[in-house]
Amino acid sequence: MLIPLSLSPQPGTLVYDFCCGVGGKTTHLAEIMNNRGSIIAFDLYQHKLDLLMTNCQRLGINMVETREGDLFDSIKGLEKADAVLLDAPCSGLGVLRSRADLRWRKKEADIAAMAGLQSQMLDQVAQTVRSGGKLLYSTCSLEPEENHMVVEGFIGRHKDFEFMDFGEVMSNNAWLTAGDLSVAQGRLNIFPPHHQADGMFISLMRRK
């Protein structure tokens, strides 16, 4: 739930949710927006989008549109959005407590391969953010190669983007401490032993 809360889109705006999966974050975004505005959710697999629309129907949400396809093709001709979410595919090493099999299936080379893909995807979706709009990148990994190094490399390549202070949107979230927000500087690590939650990374950026 921290991911939609961090993006904090306003009612009546246009939001893109890339790699939306079955839409847990998509529907939460819609609820934050009071079911007003437009969310376009993208995923590679139609069966996931079908589950997303089932969830929307169950929750009374009618502002979500889905599009199936490869992310690198999906962004062509898109209108610039007010807020963009990329919950990128990753190694998943932040959720080992519920995915013990990953301990034996993941290799160090997998992390490097993921980091390359994540950087390419972030470069692509950044094209869909309007001036003044927000871009949120997240993973369920704790590896710096997939997280800090990806977003810092992105900021280095895209001088028209800057990290956004989490305090602007998360100051009323009692679960995060002042220390979490002061250290974050646009990047937030959720560490299982400290937060008693699955490990994840969130980075919030704004197009200048």
N, C-alpha and C. Protein backbone atom coordinates (compact mmCIF):
# COMPACT_ATOMS: atom_id res chain seq x y z
N MET A 1 0.81 -1.21 0.00
CA MET A 1 0.00 0.00 0.00
C MET A 1 0.85 1.27 0.00
N LEU A 2 2.12 1.15 0.41
CA LEU A 2 2.98 2.33 0.41
C LEU A 2 3.21 2.90 -0.98
N ILE A 3 3.16 2.03 -2.00
CA ILE A 3 3.46 2.49 -3.35
C ILE A 3 2.40 3.46 -3.86
N PRO A 4 1.11 3.11 -3.87
CA PRO A 4 0.10 4.11 -4.28
C PRO A 4 0.08 5.34 -3.38
N LEU A 5 0.27 5.14 -2.06
CA LEU A 5 0.28 6.28 -1.15
C LEU A 5 1.44 7.22 -1.46
N SER A 6 2.58 6.65 -1.87
CA SER A 6 3.74 7.49 -2.21
C SER A 6 3.48 8.28 -3.48
N LEU A 7 2.86 7.66 -4.47
CA LEU A 7 2.56 8.37 -5.72
C LEU A 7 1.47 9.42 -5.49
N SER A 8 0.49 9.08 -4.68
CA SER A 8 -0.55 10.02 -4.23
C SER A 8 -1.16 10.83 -5.38
N PRO A 9 -1.76 10.18 -6.38
CA PRO A 9 -2.34 10.93 -7.49
C PRO A 9 -3.60 11.68 -7.07
N GLN A 10 -3.84 12.80 -7.69
CA GLN A 10 -5.00 13.63 -7.37
C GLN A 10 -6.23 13.17 -8.15
N PRO A 11 -7.43 13.30 -7.57
CA PRO A 11 -8.65 12.98 -8.31
C PRO A 11 -8.73 13.82 -9.60
N GLY A 12 -9.23 13.20 -10.65
CA GLY A 12 -9.41 13.90 -11.91
C GLY A 12 -8.21 13.92 -12.82
N THR A 13 -7.10 13.27 -12.42
CA THR A 13 -5.88 13.31 -13.22
C THR A 13 -5.73 12.03 -14.04
N LEU A 14 -4.69 12.01 -14.89
CA LEU A 14 -4.38 10.86 -15.73
C LEU A 14 -3.18 10.12 -15.14
N VAL A 15 -3.33 8.80 -14.93
CA VAL A 15 -2.29 7.98 -14.32
C VAL A 15 -2.03 6.76 -15.21
N TYR A 16 -0.74 6.43 -15.38
CA TYR A 16 -0.36 5.19 -16.06
C TYR A 16 0.25 4.24 -15.03
N ASP A 17 -0.21 2.99 -15.03
CA ASP A 17 0.33 1.96 -14.16
C ASP A 17 0.94 0.88 -15.06
N PHE A 18 2.26 0.92 -15.20
CA PHE A 18 2.97 -0.04 -16.05
C PHE A 18 3.33 -1.29 -15.23
N CYS A 19 3.25 -2.46 -15.88
CA CYS A 19 3.50 -3.74 -15.20
C CYS A 19 2.54 -3.90 -14.03
N CYS A 20 1.26 -3.72 -14.31
CA CYS A 20 0.26 -3.63 -13.24
C CYS A 20 -0.08 -4.97 -12.61
N GLY A 21 0.18 -6.09 -13.29
CA GLY A 21 -0.17 -7.39 -12.74
C GLY A 21 -1.68 -7.52 -12.58
N VAL A 22 -2.10 -8.09 -11.45
CA VAL A 22 -3.54 -8.30 -11.22
C VAL A 22 -4.20 -7.06 -10.62
N GLY A 23 -3.42 -6.01 -10.36
CA GLY A 23 -4.03 -4.71 -10.10
C GLY A 23 -4.28 -4.33 -8.66
N GLY A 24 -3.56 -4.92 -7.71
CA GLY A 24 -3.72 -4.49 -6.32
C GLY A 24 -3.39 -3.02 -6.13
N LYS A 25 -2.31 -2.58 -6.75
CA LYS A 25 -1.94 -1.16 -6.66
C LYS A 25 -2.83 -0.29 -7.54
N THR A 26 -3.27 -0.83 -8.67
CA THR A 26 -4.14 -0.08 -9.57
C THR A 26 -5.43 0.32 -8.87
N THR A 27 -6.07 -0.64 -8.21
CA THR A 27 -7.34 -0.36 -7.54
C THR A 27 -7.14 0.56 -6.35
N HIS A 28 -6.00 0.43 -5.67
CA HIS A 28 -5.72 1.35 -4.56
C HIS A 28 -5.54 2.78 -5.08
N LEU A 29 -4.85 2.92 -6.21
CA LEU A 29 -4.72 4.25 -6.83
C LEU A 29 -6.09 4.84 -7.13
N ALA A 30 -6.97 4.01 -7.67
CA ALA A 30 -8.32 4.48 -8.02
C ALA A 30 -9.08 4.94 -6.78
N GLU A 31 -8.89 4.22 -5.67
CA GLU A 31 -9.58 4.61 -4.44
C GLU A 31 -9.01 5.91 -3.88
N ILE A 32 -7.68 6.08 -3.97
CA ILE A 32 -7.07 7.35 -3.55
C ILE A 32 -7.63 8.51 -4.37
N MET A 33 -7.93 8.26 -5.66
CA MET A 33 -8.45 9.28 -6.57
C MET A 33 -9.98 9.41 -6.50
N ASN A 34 -10.59 8.70 -5.55
CA ASN A 34 -12.06 8.74 -5.40
C ASN A 34 -12.79 8.33 -6.68
N ASN A 35 -12.16 7.43 -7.44
CA ASN A 35 -12.77 6.93 -8.69
C ASN A 35 -13.05 8.05 -9.68
N ARG A 36 -12.20 9.09 -9.65
CA ARG A 36 -12.35 10.23 -10.55
C ARG A 36 -11.05 10.44 -11.30
N GLY A 37 -11.15 10.52 -12.63
CA GLY A 37 -9.97 10.67 -13.47
C GLY A 37 -9.84 9.46 -14.36
N SER A 38 -8.60 9.12 -14.70
CA SER A 38 -8.38 7.99 -15.61
C SER A 38 -7.08 7.29 -15.24
N ILE A 39 -7.16 5.97 -15.11
CA ILE A 39 -5.98 5.13 -14.93
C ILE A 39 -5.93 4.15 -16.10
N ILE A 40 -4.79 4.13 -16.79
CA ILE A 40 -4.57 3.14 -17.84
C ILE A 40 -3.52 2.17 -17.31
N ALA A 41 -3.90 0.89 -17.22
CA ALA A 41 -3.04 -0.13 -16.64
C ALA A 41 -2.52 -1.04 -17.74
N PHE A 42 -1.21 -1.24 -17.75
CA PHE A 42 -0.54 -2.00 -18.80
C PHE A 42 0.07 -3.28 -18.22
N ASP A 43 -0.06 -4.37 -18.95
CA ASP A 43 0.63 -5.59 -18.56
C ASP A 43 0.84 -6.47 -19.80
N LEU A 44 1.81 -7.36 -19.68
CA LEU A 44 2.15 -8.25 -20.79
C LEU A 44 1.14 -9.38 -20.95
N TYR A 45 0.39 -9.68 -19.87
CA TYR A 45 -0.45 -10.87 -19.86
C TYR A 45 -1.92 -10.52 -19.70
N GLN A 46 -2.73 -10.97 -20.64
CA GLN A 46 -4.15 -10.65 -20.62
C GLN A 46 -4.87 -11.27 -19.43
N HIS A 47 -4.47 -12.46 -19.00
CA HIS A 47 -5.18 -13.10 -17.88
C HIS A 47 -5.04 -12.28 -16.59
N LYS A 48 -3.92 -11.58 -16.44
CA LYS A 48 -3.76 -10.70 -15.28
C LYS A 48 -4.67 -9.48 -15.40
N LEU A 49 -4.77 -8.94 -16.60
CA LEU A 49 -5.66 -7.79 -16.82
C LEU A 49 -7.12 -8.18 -16.60
N ASP A 50 -7.48 -9.41 -16.96
CA ASP A 50 -8.85 -9.88 -16.72
C ASP A 50 -9.15 -9.92 -15.22
N LEU A 51 -8.18 -10.38 -14.42
CA LEU A 51 -8.35 -10.39 -12.97
C LEU A 51 -8.45 -8.97 -12.43
N LEU A 52 -7.67 -8.06 -12.99
CA LEU A 52 -7.74 -6.66 -12.59
C LEU A 52 -9.14 -6.10 -12.80
N MET A 53 -9.72 -6.35 -13.95
CA MET A 53 -11.04 -5.81 -14.23
C MET A 53 -12.11 -6.47 -13.36
N THR A 54 -11.91 -7.74 -13.01
CA THR A 54 -12.82 -8.39 -12.07
C THR A 54 -12.77 -7.70 -10.71
N ASN A 55 -11.56 -7.35 -10.28
CA ASN A 55 -11.41 -6.64 -9.01
C ASN A 55 -12.03 -5.25 -9.08
N CYS A 56 -11.87 -4.57 -10.20
CA CYS A 56 -12.48 -3.25 -10.36
C CYS A 56 -14.00 -3.34 -10.25
N GLN A 57 -14.57 -4.34 -10.89
CA GLN A 57 -16.03 -4.52 -10.83
C GLN A 57 -16.47 -4.79 -9.39
N ARG A 58 -15.72 -5.62 -8.69
CA ARG A 58 -16.05 -5.95 -7.30
C ARG A 58 -16.02 -4.72 -6.41
N LEU A 59 -15.08 -3.81 -6.70
CA LEU A 59 -14.90 -2.62 -5.86
C LEU A 59 -15.69 -1.41 -6.34
N GLY A 60 -16.41 -1.55 -7.45
CA GLY A 60 -17.19 -0.43 -7.97
C GLY A 60 -16.34 0.64 -8.63
N ILE A 61 -15.21 0.24 -9.19
CA ILE A 61 -14.29 1.17 -9.85
C ILE A 61 -14.53 1.13 -11.36
N ASN A 62 -14.76 2.29 -11.96
CA ASN A 62 -15.05 2.33 -13.40
C ASN A 62 -14.13 3.28 -14.17
N MET A 63 -13.01 3.66 -13.56
CA MET A 63 -12.11 4.63 -14.19
C MET A 63 -10.86 3.98 -14.77
N VAL A 64 -10.78 2.64 -14.74
CA VAL A 64 -9.57 1.94 -15.17
C VAL A 64 -9.77 1.36 -16.57
N GLU A 65 -8.78 1.59 -17.42
CA GLU A 65 -8.71 0.98 -18.75
C GLU A 65 -7.47 0.10 -18.79
N THR A 66 -7.55 -1.06 -19.43
CA THR A 66 -6.40 -1.95 -19.49
C THR A 66 -5.89 -2.07 -20.93
N ARG A 67 -4.58 -2.30 -21.03
CA ARG A 67 -3.95 -2.51 -22.34
C ARG A 67 -2.91 -3.61 -22.22
N GLU A 68 -3.05 -4.61 -23.07
CA GLU A 68 -2.12 -5.73 -23.09
C GLU A 68 -0.99 -5.42 -24.07
N GLY A 69 0.22 -5.83 -23.70
CA GLY A 69 1.32 -5.70 -24.64
C GLY A 69 2.64 -5.43 -23.97
N ASP A 70 3.68 -5.50 -24.77
CA ASP A 70 5.04 -5.21 -24.32
C ASP A 70 5.17 -3.74 -24.00
N LEU A 71 5.79 -3.43 -22.87
CA LEU A 71 5.93 -2.04 -22.45
C LEU A 71 6.61 -1.18 -23.51
N PHE A 72 7.60 -1.74 -24.20
CA PHE A 72 8.37 -0.95 -25.14
C PHE A 72 7.55 -0.56 -26.37
N ASP A 73 6.45 -1.27 -26.60
CA ASP A 73 5.54 -0.90 -27.69
C ASP A 73 4.36 -0.08 -27.19
N SER A 74 3.99 -0.27 -25.92
CA SER A 74 2.75 0.31 -25.40
C SER A 74 2.79 1.82 -25.27
N ILE A 75 3.98 2.41 -25.13
CA ILE A 75 4.03 3.84 -24.84
C ILE A 75 3.91 4.72 -26.09
N LYS A 76 3.95 4.11 -27.25
CA LYS A 76 3.92 4.90 -28.48
C LYS A 76 2.60 5.67 -28.59
N GLY A 77 2.72 6.99 -28.77
CA GLY A 77 1.54 7.82 -28.99
C GLY A 77 0.74 8.14 -27.76
N LEU A 78 1.24 7.80 -26.56
CA LEU A 78 0.48 8.07 -25.34
C LEU A 78 0.50 9.56 -24.99
N GLU A 79 -0.62 10.04 -24.49
CA GLU A 79 -0.68 11.38 -23.92
C GLU A 79 0.19 11.42 -22.67
N LYS A 80 0.80 12.57 -22.36
CA LYS A 80 1.61 12.70 -21.16
C LYS A 80 0.71 12.64 -19.92
N ALA A 81 1.15 11.89 -18.92
CA ALA A 81 0.35 11.65 -17.72
C ALA A 81 0.81 12.52 -16.55
N ASP A 82 -0.10 12.70 -15.59
CA ASP A 82 0.21 13.46 -14.38
C ASP A 82 1.04 12.62 -13.41
N ALA A 83 0.83 11.31 -13.42
CA ALA A 83 1.56 10.40 -12.52
C ALA A 83 1.76 9.07 -13.22
N VAL A 84 2.95 8.51 -13.06
CA VAL A 84 3.30 7.25 -13.72
C VAL A 84 3.94 6.32 -12.69
N LEU A 85 3.47 5.08 -12.66
CA LEU A 85 4.01 4.06 -11.77
C LEU A 85 4.66 2.96 -12.59
N LEU A 86 5.90 2.63 -12.25
CA LEU A 86 6.57 1.46 -12.81
C LEU A 86 6.99 0.57 -11.65
N ASP A 87 6.21 -0.46 -11.40
CA ASP A 87 6.58 -1.48 -10.42
C ASP A 87 7.30 -2.56 -11.21
N ALA A 88 8.61 -2.42 -11.29
CA ALA A 88 9.40 -3.16 -12.27
C ALA A 88 9.59 -4.62 -11.90
N PRO A 89 9.69 -5.49 -12.91
CA PRO A 89 10.09 -6.88 -12.64
C PRO A 89 11.47 -6.88 -12.00
N CYS A 90 11.67 -7.79 -11.04
CA CYS A 90 12.92 -7.77 -10.29
C CYS A 90 13.26 -9.17 -9.81
N SER A 91 14.35 -9.29 -9.06
CA SER A 91 14.78 -10.58 -8.54
C SER A 91 13.83 -11.11 -7.47
N GLY A 92 13.08 -10.24 -6.82
CA GLY A 92 12.15 -10.66 -5.78
C GLY A 92 12.81 -11.02 -4.46
N LEU A 93 14.07 -10.64 -4.27
CA LEU A 93 14.79 -11.06 -3.08
C LEU A 93 14.32 -10.36 -1.80
N GLY A 94 13.42 -9.40 -1.93
CA GLY A 94 12.86 -8.78 -0.74
C GLY A 94 11.73 -9.58 -0.12
N VAL A 95 11.26 -10.60 -0.81
CA VAL A 95 10.11 -11.37 -0.31
C VAL A 95 10.50 -12.83 -0.04
N LEU A 96 11.74 -13.04 0.38
CA LEU A 96 12.22 -14.40 0.60
C LEU A 96 11.43 -15.12 1.69
N ARG A 97 10.88 -14.38 2.65
CA ARG A 97 10.16 -15.06 3.73
C ARG A 97 8.91 -15.78 3.21
N SER A 98 8.36 -15.31 2.09
CA SER A 98 7.21 -15.99 1.51
C SER A 98 7.54 -16.72 0.21
N ARG A 99 8.76 -16.57 -0.27
CA ARG A 99 9.20 -17.24 -1.50
C ARG A 99 10.55 -17.91 -1.26
N ALA A 100 10.55 -18.89 -0.37
CA ALA A 100 11.81 -19.54 0.01
C ALA A 100 12.52 -20.18 -1.18
N ASP A 101 11.77 -20.57 -2.21
CA ASP A 101 12.37 -21.22 -3.37
C ASP A 101 13.37 -20.33 -4.08
N LEU A 102 13.21 -18.99 -3.93
CA LEU A 102 14.12 -18.08 -4.62
C LEU A 102 15.57 -18.24 -4.14
N ARG A 103 15.75 -18.73 -2.94
CA ARG A 103 17.11 -18.91 -2.42
C ARG A 103 17.93 -19.84 -3.32
N TRP A 104 17.26 -20.78 -3.94
CA TRP A 104 17.95 -21.77 -4.76
C TRP A 104 17.85 -21.49 -6.25
N ARG A 105 16.91 -20.64 -6.65
CA ARG A 105 16.69 -20.43 -8.07
C ARG A 105 17.38 -19.20 -8.63
N LYS A 106 17.75 -18.24 -7.77
CA LYS A 106 18.35 -17.00 -8.24
C LYS A 106 19.87 -17.09 -8.23
N LYS A 107 20.46 -16.49 -9.29
CA LYS A 107 21.92 -16.41 -9.39
C LYS A 107 22.33 -14.94 -9.44
N GLU A 108 23.59 -14.69 -9.12
CA GLU A 108 24.08 -13.31 -9.11
C GLU A 108 23.92 -12.67 -10.49
N ALA A 109 24.10 -13.46 -11.54
CA ALA A 109 23.96 -12.93 -12.91
C ALA A 109 22.54 -12.46 -13.18
N ASP A 110 21.56 -13.06 -12.49
CA ASP A 110 20.17 -12.65 -12.68
C ASP A 110 19.96 -11.20 -12.26
N ILE A 111 20.64 -10.79 -11.21
CA ILE A 111 20.49 -9.42 -10.69
C ILE A 111 21.01 -8.42 -11.71
N ALA A 112 22.17 -8.70 -12.29
CA ALA A 112 22.73 -7.80 -13.30
C ALA A 112 21.82 -7.71 -14.52
N ALA A 113 21.27 -8.84 -14.94
CA ALA A 113 20.36 -8.84 -16.10
C ALA A 113 19.10 -8.04 -15.79
N MET A 114 18.56 -8.20 -14.60
CA MET A 114 17.37 -7.45 -14.20
C MET A 114 17.65 -5.95 -14.18
N ALA A 115 18.80 -5.57 -13.63
CA ALA A 115 19.14 -4.15 -13.53
C ALA A 115 19.19 -3.50 -14.91
N GLY A 116 19.72 -4.20 -15.89
CA GLY A 116 19.75 -3.66 -17.24
C GLY A 116 18.37 -3.46 -17.81
N LEU A 117 17.48 -4.44 -17.61
CA LEU A 117 16.11 -4.33 -18.09
C LEU A 117 15.36 -3.21 -17.36
N GLN A 118 15.55 -3.13 -16.06
CA GLN A 118 14.87 -2.09 -15.28
C GLN A 118 15.26 -0.69 -15.75
N SER A 119 16.52 -0.49 -16.03
CA SER A 119 16.98 0.83 -16.50
C SER A 119 16.35 1.17 -17.85
N GLN A 120 16.28 0.19 -18.74
CA GLN A 120 15.65 0.42 -20.04
C GLN A 120 14.17 0.75 -19.89
N MET A 121 13.48 0.03 -19.01
CA MET A 121 12.06 0.27 -18.81
C MET A 121 11.82 1.66 -18.22
N LEU A 122 12.65 2.05 -17.26
CA LEU A 122 12.48 3.36 -16.64
C LEU A 122 12.70 4.47 -17.66
N ASP A 123 13.71 4.32 -18.52
CA ASP A 123 13.94 5.30 -19.58
C ASP A 123 12.70 5.42 -20.48
N GLN A 124 12.09 4.29 -20.78
CA GLN A 124 10.93 4.30 -21.67
C GLN A 124 9.73 5.01 -21.04
N VAL A 125 9.37 4.61 -19.83
CA VAL A 125 8.14 5.16 -19.24
C VAL A 125 8.30 6.63 -18.87
N ALA A 126 9.54 7.08 -18.68
CA ALA A 126 9.77 8.50 -18.36
C ALA A 126 9.25 9.41 -19.46
N GLN A 127 9.20 8.89 -20.69
CA GLN A 127 8.72 9.70 -21.81
C GLN A 127 7.24 10.05 -21.68
N THR A 128 6.52 9.32 -20.82
CA THR A 128 5.08 9.52 -20.70
C THR A 128 4.70 10.46 -19.56
N VAL A 129 5.68 11.05 -18.87
CA VAL A 129 5.42 11.93 -17.73
C VAL A 129 5.38 13.38 -18.20
N ARG A 130 4.34 14.10 -17.85
CA ARG A 130 4.23 15.50 -18.23
C ARG A 130 5.18 16.35 -17.40
N SER A 131 5.40 17.58 -17.83
CA SER A 131 6.18 18.53 -17.05
C SER A 131 5.49 18.77 -15.72
N GLY A 132 6.23 18.61 -14.64
CA GLY A 132 5.64 18.75 -13.30
C GLY A 132 5.02 17.47 -12.78
N GLY A 133 4.96 16.42 -13.60
CA GLY A 133 4.35 15.16 -13.21
C GLY A 133 5.29 14.30 -12.39
N LYS A 134 4.73 13.27 -11.75
CA LYS A 134 5.48 12.39 -10.86
C LYS A 134 5.72 11.03 -11.51
N LEU A 135 6.89 10.47 -11.19
CA LEU A 135 7.28 9.15 -11.67
C LEU A 135 7.72 8.34 -10.46
N LEU A 136 7.10 7.18 -10.25
CA LEU A 136 7.47 6.32 -9.14
C LEU A 136 8.01 5.00 -9.66
N TYR A 137 9.19 4.63 -9.16
CA TYR A 137 9.83 3.36 -9.51
C TYR A 137 9.90 2.51 -8.25
N SER A 138 9.49 1.25 -8.36
CA SER A 138 9.53 0.38 -7.18
C SER A 138 9.90 -1.04 -7.58
N THR A 139 10.48 -1.76 -6.62
CA THR A 139 10.76 -3.19 -6.77
C THR A 139 10.51 -3.87 -5.42
N CYS A 140 10.41 -5.20 -5.44
CA CYS A 140 10.38 -5.97 -4.19
C CYS A 140 11.73 -6.65 -4.00
N SER A 141 12.77 -5.88 -4.26
CA SER A 141 14.15 -6.34 -4.08
C SER A 141 14.86 -5.42 -3.09
N LEU A 142 15.90 -5.94 -2.44
CA LEU A 142 16.74 -5.14 -1.55
C LEU A 142 18.12 -4.88 -2.15
N GLU A 143 18.33 -5.34 -3.38
CA GLU A 143 19.65 -5.25 -3.99
C GLU A 143 19.90 -3.84 -4.54
N PRO A 144 20.99 -3.19 -4.17
CA PRO A 144 21.25 -1.84 -4.65
C PRO A 144 21.38 -1.76 -6.17
N GLU A 145 21.84 -2.85 -6.81
CA GLU A 145 21.96 -2.84 -8.27
C GLU A 145 20.61 -2.66 -8.95
N GLU A 146 19.55 -3.12 -8.31
CA GLU A 146 18.21 -3.02 -8.89
C GLU A 146 17.47 -1.77 -8.42
N ASN A 147 18.02 -1.10 -7.46
CA ASN A 147 17.29 -0.01 -6.81
C ASN A 147 18.03 1.32 -6.90
N HIS A 148 18.86 1.61 -5.92
CA HIS A 148 19.56 2.90 -5.90
C HIS A 148 20.36 3.13 -7.18
N MET A 149 21.07 2.13 -7.64
CA MET A 149 21.91 2.31 -8.82
C MET A 149 21.07 2.56 -10.07
N VAL A 150 19.89 1.96 -10.15
CA VAL A 150 19.00 2.18 -11.30
C VAL A 150 18.50 3.61 -11.32
N VAL A 151 17.97 4.10 -10.19
CA VAL A 151 17.37 5.44 -10.20
C VAL A 151 18.42 6.54 -10.23
N GLU A 152 19.56 6.32 -9.60
CA GLU A 152 20.62 7.32 -9.66
C GLU A 152 21.19 7.40 -11.07
N GLY A 153 21.31 6.27 -11.75
CA GLY A 153 21.73 6.29 -13.14
C GLY A 153 20.71 7.00 -14.01
N PHE A 154 19.43 6.77 -13.71
CA PHE A 154 18.36 7.43 -14.46
C PHE A 154 18.43 8.95 -14.29
N ILE A 155 18.57 9.42 -13.08
CA ILE A 155 18.67 10.86 -12.83
C ILE A 155 19.89 11.45 -13.52
N GLY A 156 20.97 10.68 -13.57
CA GLY A 156 22.16 11.15 -14.26
C GLY A 156 21.95 11.30 -15.76
N ARG A 157 21.12 10.44 -16.34
CA ARG A 157 20.86 10.50 -17.78
C ARG A 157 19.76 11.49 -18.13
N HIS A 158 18.87 11.77 -17.20
CA HIS A 158 17.68 12.60 -17.46
C HIS A 158 17.71 13.82 -16.54
N LYS A 159 18.35 14.87 -17.00
CA LYS A 159 18.51 16.06 -16.18
C LYS A 159 17.21 16.80 -15.94
N ASP A 160 16.15 16.43 -16.67
CA ASP A 160 14.86 17.07 -16.48
C ASP A 160 14.05 16.41 -15.36
N PHE A 161 14.62 15.42 -14.67
CA PHE A 161 13.98 14.78 -13.53
C PHE A 161 14.78 15.04 -12.26
N GLU A 162 14.07 15.05 -11.14
CA GLU A 162 14.72 15.22 -9.84
C GLU A 162 14.02 14.33 -8.81
N PHE A 163 14.75 13.95 -7.76
CA PHE A 163 14.13 13.20 -6.69
C PHE A 163 13.16 14.10 -5.93
N MET A 164 12.08 13.50 -5.47
CA MET A 164 11.02 14.24 -4.79
C MET A 164 10.99 13.85 -3.32
N ASP A 165 10.90 14.81 -2.45
CA ASP A 165 10.88 14.58 -1.01
C ASP A 165 9.64 13.75 -0.63
N PHE A 166 9.85 12.60 -0.01
CA PHE A 166 8.73 11.78 0.42
C PHE A 166 7.85 12.50 1.44
N GLY A 167 8.46 13.42 2.17
CA GLY A 167 7.69 14.13 3.18
C GLY A 167 6.51 14.88 2.61
N GLU A 168 6.57 15.24 1.32
CA GLU A 168 5.48 15.98 0.70
C GLU A 168 4.21 15.14 0.62
N VAL A 169 4.34 13.82 0.53
CA VAL A 169 3.16 12.98 0.36
C VAL A 169 2.98 11.96 1.48
N MET A 170 4.02 11.74 2.29
CA MET A 170 3.97 10.68 3.30
C MET A 170 4.03 11.20 4.73
N SER A 171 3.93 12.50 4.95
CA SER A 171 4.10 13.05 6.29
C SER A 171 3.03 12.58 7.26
N ASN A 172 1.88 12.17 6.75
CA ASN A 172 0.79 11.72 7.63
C ASN A 172 0.76 10.20 7.79
N ASN A 173 1.78 9.48 7.32
CA ASN A 173 1.81 8.04 7.43
C ASN A 173 2.55 7.66 8.71
N ALA A 174 1.80 7.25 9.71
CA ALA A 174 2.38 6.99 11.04
C ALA A 174 3.29 5.77 11.04
N TRP A 175 3.17 4.89 10.05
CA TRP A 175 3.97 3.67 10.03
C TRP A 175 5.44 3.96 9.75
N LEU A 176 5.72 5.02 8.98
CA LEU A 176 7.09 5.41 8.68
C LEU A 176 7.57 6.41 9.73
N THR A 177 8.81 6.28 10.13
CA THR A 177 9.37 7.20 11.12
C THR A 177 9.92 8.44 10.43
N ALA A 178 10.16 9.47 11.22
CA ALA A 178 10.79 10.69 10.68
C ALA A 178 12.15 10.37 10.10
N GLY A 179 12.84 9.40 10.71
CA GLY A 179 14.14 9.00 10.19
C GLY A 179 14.05 8.38 8.82
N ASP A 180 13.01 7.57 8.59
CA ASP A 180 12.81 6.98 7.26
C ASP A 180 12.71 8.06 6.21
N LEU A 181 11.95 9.10 6.50
CA LEU A 181 11.67 10.14 5.51
C LEU A 181 12.84 11.10 5.35
N SER A 182 13.54 11.39 6.42
CA SER A 182 14.64 12.35 6.31
C SER A 182 15.82 11.74 5.57
N VAL A 183 16.01 10.43 5.70
CA VAL A 183 17.13 9.77 5.03
C VAL A 183 16.79 9.49 3.57
N ALA A 184 15.50 9.34 3.27
CA ALA A 184 15.09 8.83 1.97
C ALA A 184 15.57 9.68 0.79
N GLN A 185 15.34 11.00 0.83
CA GLN A 185 15.72 11.88 -0.28
C GLN A 185 15.25 11.31 -1.61
N GLY A 186 13.98 10.95 -1.65
CA GLY A 186 13.41 10.42 -2.88
C GLY A 186 13.58 8.93 -3.06
N ARG A 187 14.22 8.28 -2.10
CA ARG A 187 14.44 6.84 -2.17
C ARG A 187 14.16 6.24 -0.79
N LEU A 188 13.37 5.19 -0.75
CA LEU A 188 12.96 4.60 0.53
C LEU A 188 13.13 3.09 0.47
N ASN A 189 13.89 2.53 1.43
CA ASN A 189 14.04 1.09 1.57
C ASN A 189 13.15 0.59 2.71
N ILE A 190 12.37 -0.43 2.44
CA ILE A 190 11.63 -1.12 3.48
C ILE A 190 12.40 -2.39 3.81
N PHE A 191 12.94 -2.45 5.03
CA PHE A 191 13.84 -3.53 5.43
C PHE A 191 13.11 -4.45 6.41
N PRO A 192 12.94 -5.73 6.09
CA PRO A 192 12.11 -6.61 6.90
C PRO A 192 12.39 -6.60 8.40
N PRO A 193 13.66 -6.69 8.86
CA PRO A 193 13.87 -6.70 10.32
C PRO A 193 13.45 -5.39 11.00
N HIS A 194 13.52 -4.30 10.27
CA HIS A 194 13.19 -3.00 10.86
C HIS A 194 11.69 -2.69 10.78
N HIS A 195 11.10 -2.94 9.61
CA HIS A 195 9.71 -2.55 9.38
C HIS A 195 8.70 -3.70 9.57
N GLN A 196 9.20 -4.92 9.81
CA GLN A 196 8.31 -6.08 9.94
C GLN A 196 7.37 -6.21 8.73
N ALA A 197 7.95 -6.09 7.57
CA ALA A 197 7.20 -6.19 6.31
C ALA A 197 8.15 -6.74 5.25
N ASP A 198 7.57 -7.16 4.11
CA ASP A 198 8.42 -7.60 3.01
C ASP A 198 9.36 -6.49 2.58
N GLY A 199 10.54 -6.87 2.12
CA GLY A 199 11.51 -5.90 1.65
C GLY A 199 11.10 -5.30 0.32
N MET A 200 11.28 -3.99 0.21
CA MET A 200 10.95 -3.32 -1.05
C MET A 200 11.70 -2.00 -1.14
N PHE A 201 11.64 -1.42 -2.33
CA PHE A 201 12.31 -0.15 -2.59
C PHE A 201 11.33 0.74 -3.35
N ILE A 202 11.27 2.01 -2.96
CA ILE A 202 10.42 2.98 -3.65
C ILE A 202 11.26 4.22 -3.94
N SER A 203 11.16 4.72 -5.16
CA SER A 203 11.80 5.98 -5.50
C SER A 203 10.78 6.88 -6.18
N LEU A 204 10.65 8.09 -5.66
CA LEU A 204 9.70 9.06 -6.18
C LEU A 204 10.45 10.21 -6.84
N MET A 205 10.10 10.48 -8.09
CA MET A 205 10.77 11.52 -8.87
C MET A 205 9.75 12.45 -9.50
N ARG A 206 10.19 13.62 -9.87
CA ARG A 206 9.32 14.60 -10.52
C ARG A 206 10.01 15.15 -11.77
N ARG A 207 9.23 15.32 -12.82
CA ARG A 207 9.77 15.98 -14.01
C ARG A 207 9.73 17.48 -13.78
N LYS A 208 10.86 18.12 -13.94
CA LYS A 208 10.96 19.55 -13.64
C LYS A 208 10.07 20.37 -14.57
